[in-house]
Amino acid sequence: MSQEDIKLVFEPDHNFRYYLFDNDEEFGGIIVLQKPSSRLRWSVYDRVIGSEQIESIEEGEWTKTSLTTYSDDHLNTFSVYGGRVKLLSSQELVFDSSNQSFSPTLIKKMGNYTYFFLSEKSISLEDPVKIRVVNQ
């Protein structure tokens, strides 16, 4: 993997970074780095290769990783989705889960693809998520 393969970086807090990688020929996946407050260096927390856990629609493909956090004396686990789709300028990406619709947390158009991350704490790990491309 080269630096050019990193298409999108999402940093929800100071302890985690998500890297969406792709080599344009086939979807790569997500690498999650963690930096505990007691350490100076980042380490690999999770790595999901696209071919291991991938879903697709006609316009593109995506995968997900889960993140477990601890707050208010509870463990909380939620999913972070990342992928690529081909969108026309008149289209947008919508995520549906539990009778709600969500927009991507982070989105970037590069070349033929639009790359995205969705991080929504109200979507539990067990909730199914459907991704749709809709006309604006």
Protein backbone atom coordinates (compact mmCIF):
# COMPACT_ATOMS: atom_id res chain seq x y z
CA MET A 1 0.00 0.00 0.00
CA SER A 2 1.28 3.45 -0.89
CA GLN A 3 0.34 6.92 0.28
CA GLU A 4 -1.62 7.40 -2.97
CA ASP A 5 -3.86 4.50 -1.94
CA ILE A 6 -5.11 6.41 1.13
CA LYS A 7 -8.26 8.14 -0.13
CA LEU A 8 -9.87 9.44 3.05
CA VAL A 9 -8.89 9.95 6.71
CA PHE A 10 -11.45 10.24 9.48
CA GLU A 11 -10.44 11.19 13.02
CA PRO A 12 -13.50 11.13 15.32
CA ASP A 13 -11.40 11.87 18.41
CA HIS A 14 -7.76 12.12 19.50
CA ASN A 15 -7.46 8.37 20.09
CA PHE A 16 -8.55 6.87 16.76
CA ARG A 17 -7.91 7.44 13.06
CA TYR A 18 -9.64 5.64 10.21
CA TYR A 19 -7.92 5.31 6.84
CA LEU A 20 -9.92 4.30 3.77
CA PHE A 21 -7.61 2.79 1.19
CA ASP A 22 -8.22 1.87 -2.41
CA ASN A 23 -6.04 1.32 -5.45
CA ASP A 24 -8.74 2.27 -8.02
CA GLU A 25 -8.74 -1.26 -9.52
CA GLU A 26 -10.29 -2.93 -6.49
CA PHE A 27 -11.64 -1.60 -3.23
CA GLY A 28 -9.07 -1.90 -0.44
CA GLY A 29 -10.66 -1.50 2.99
CA ILE A 30 -10.26 0.33 6.28
CA ILE A 31 -7.31 0.52 8.67
CA VAL A 32 -7.97 1.85 12.17
CA LEU A 33 -5.11 3.24 14.24
CA GLN A 34 -5.29 3.83 17.98
CA LYS A 35 -3.18 6.13 20.12
CA PRO A 36 -3.87 5.63 23.81
CA SER A 37 -3.27 8.79 25.83
CA SER A 38 -0.40 7.09 27.66
CA ARG A 39 1.54 6.40 24.43
CA LEU A 40 3.37 8.52 21.93
CA ARG A 41 2.90 6.25 18.91
CA TRP A 42 -0.08 5.05 16.90
CA SER A 43 -0.70 1.30 16.60
CA VAL A 44 -3.04 -0.77 14.43
CA TYR A 45 -6.36 -1.31 16.21
CA ASP A 46 -8.23 -3.00 13.35
CA ARG A 47 -7.81 -3.71 9.65
CA VAL A 48 -10.68 -4.72 7.42
CA ILE A 49 -9.70 -5.69 3.92
CA GLY A 50 -12.51 -5.06 1.46
CA SER A 51 -12.56 -8.63 0.24
CA GLU A 52 -13.06 -9.95 3.81
CA GLN A 53 -16.26 -8.10 4.58
CA ILE A 54 -17.75 -6.22 1.69
CA GLU A 55 -21.17 -5.21 0.50
CA SER A 56 -22.00 -3.65 -2.80
CA ILE A 57 -24.57 -2.01 -4.97
CA GLU A 58 -24.31 -1.29 -8.67
CA GLU A 59 -22.62 2.06 -8.01
CA GLY A 60 -19.93 0.88 -5.59
CA GLU A 61 -18.81 -1.07 -2.54
CA TRP A 62 -18.15 -0.59 1.15
CA THR A 63 -17.17 -2.36 4.33
CA LYS A 64 -17.41 -1.66 8.04
CA THR A 65 -15.37 -1.92 11.17
CA SER A 66 -16.56 -1.70 14.74
CA LEU A 67 -15.25 0.46 17.53
CA THR A 68 -15.73 -0.21 21.22
CA THR A 69 -15.58 2.78 23.53
CA TYR A 70 -16.04 3.15 27.26
CA SER A 71 -18.05 6.00 28.71
CA ASP A 72 -20.41 6.48 31.64
CA ASP A 73 -19.40 3.09 33.06
CA HIS A 74 -20.62 1.28 29.91
CA LEU A 75 -19.01 -0.35 26.91
CA ASN A 76 -20.46 1.02 23.68
CA THR A 77 -19.87 -0.57 20.30
CA PHE A 78 -20.77 1.09 17.03
CA SER A 79 -19.89 0.64 13.39
CA VAL A 80 -17.94 2.88 11.07
CA TYR A 81 -18.74 2.33 7.40
CA GLY A 82 -16.33 3.26 4.63
CA GLY A 83 -16.35 2.77 0.89
CA ARG A 84 -16.55 4.15 -2.59
CA VAL A 85 -19.39 4.81 -5.02
CA LYS A 86 -19.76 6.35 -8.45
CA LEU A 87 -22.03 9.38 -8.16
CA LEU A 88 -23.22 11.81 -10.78
CA SER A 89 -23.21 15.47 -9.76
CA SER A 90 -27.01 15.23 -9.44
CA GLN A 91 -26.86 12.30 -6.99
CA GLU A 92 -26.21 11.88 -3.29
CA LEU A 93 -25.54 9.04 -0.89
CA VAL A 94 -28.10 8.10 1.79
CA PHE A 95 -27.84 5.52 4.58
CA ASP A 96 -31.02 3.96 6.00
CA SER A 97 -31.19 2.22 9.38
CA SER A 98 -33.93 1.79 11.99
CA ASN A 99 -36.43 3.89 10.03
CA GLN A 100 -34.00 6.82 9.88
CA SER A 101 -31.89 8.28 7.07
CA PHE A 102 -28.32 9.50 7.51
CA SER A 103 -25.84 11.42 5.39
CA PRO A 104 -22.16 10.47 5.25
CA THR A 105 -20.01 11.79 8.10
CA LEU A 106 -17.19 12.51 5.65
CA ILE A 107 -17.29 12.45 1.86
CA LYS A 108 -14.77 13.30 -0.87
CA LYS A 109 -14.85 13.05 -4.67
CA MET A 110 -11.60 11.82 -6.25
CA GLY A 111 -11.35 10.71 -9.86
CA ASN A 112 -14.15 8.31 -10.80
CA TYR A 113 -15.26 7.66 -7.23
CA THR A 114 -16.76 9.40 -4.25
CA TYR A 115 -15.23 8.06 -1.01
CA PHE A 116 -17.13 8.14 2.27
CA PHE A 117 -17.22 7.35 5.96
CA LEU A 118 -20.36 7.02 8.06
CA SER A 119 -19.99 7.09 11.84
CA GLU A 120 -23.35 7.31 13.58
CA LYS A 121 -23.51 6.30 17.23
CA SER A 122 -27.30 5.87 17.08
CA ILE A 123 -26.81 2.90 14.71
CA SER A 124 -26.06 -0.13 16.84
CA LEU A 125 -23.78 -2.93 15.74
CA GLU A 126 -26.77 -5.22 15.11
CA ASP A 127 -28.80 -2.69 13.08
CA PRO A 128 -28.90 -3.39 9.35
CA VAL A 129 -27.81 -0.48 7.18
CA LYS A 130 -28.83 0.03 3.56
CA ILE A 131 -26.96 2.40 1.32
CA ARG A 132 -28.77 4.15 -1.50
CA VAL A 133 -27.78 6.49 -4.31
CA VAL A 134 -30.60 8.99 -4.86
CA ASN A 135 -31.19 11.87 -7.24
CA GLN A 136 -31.20 15.29 -5.59
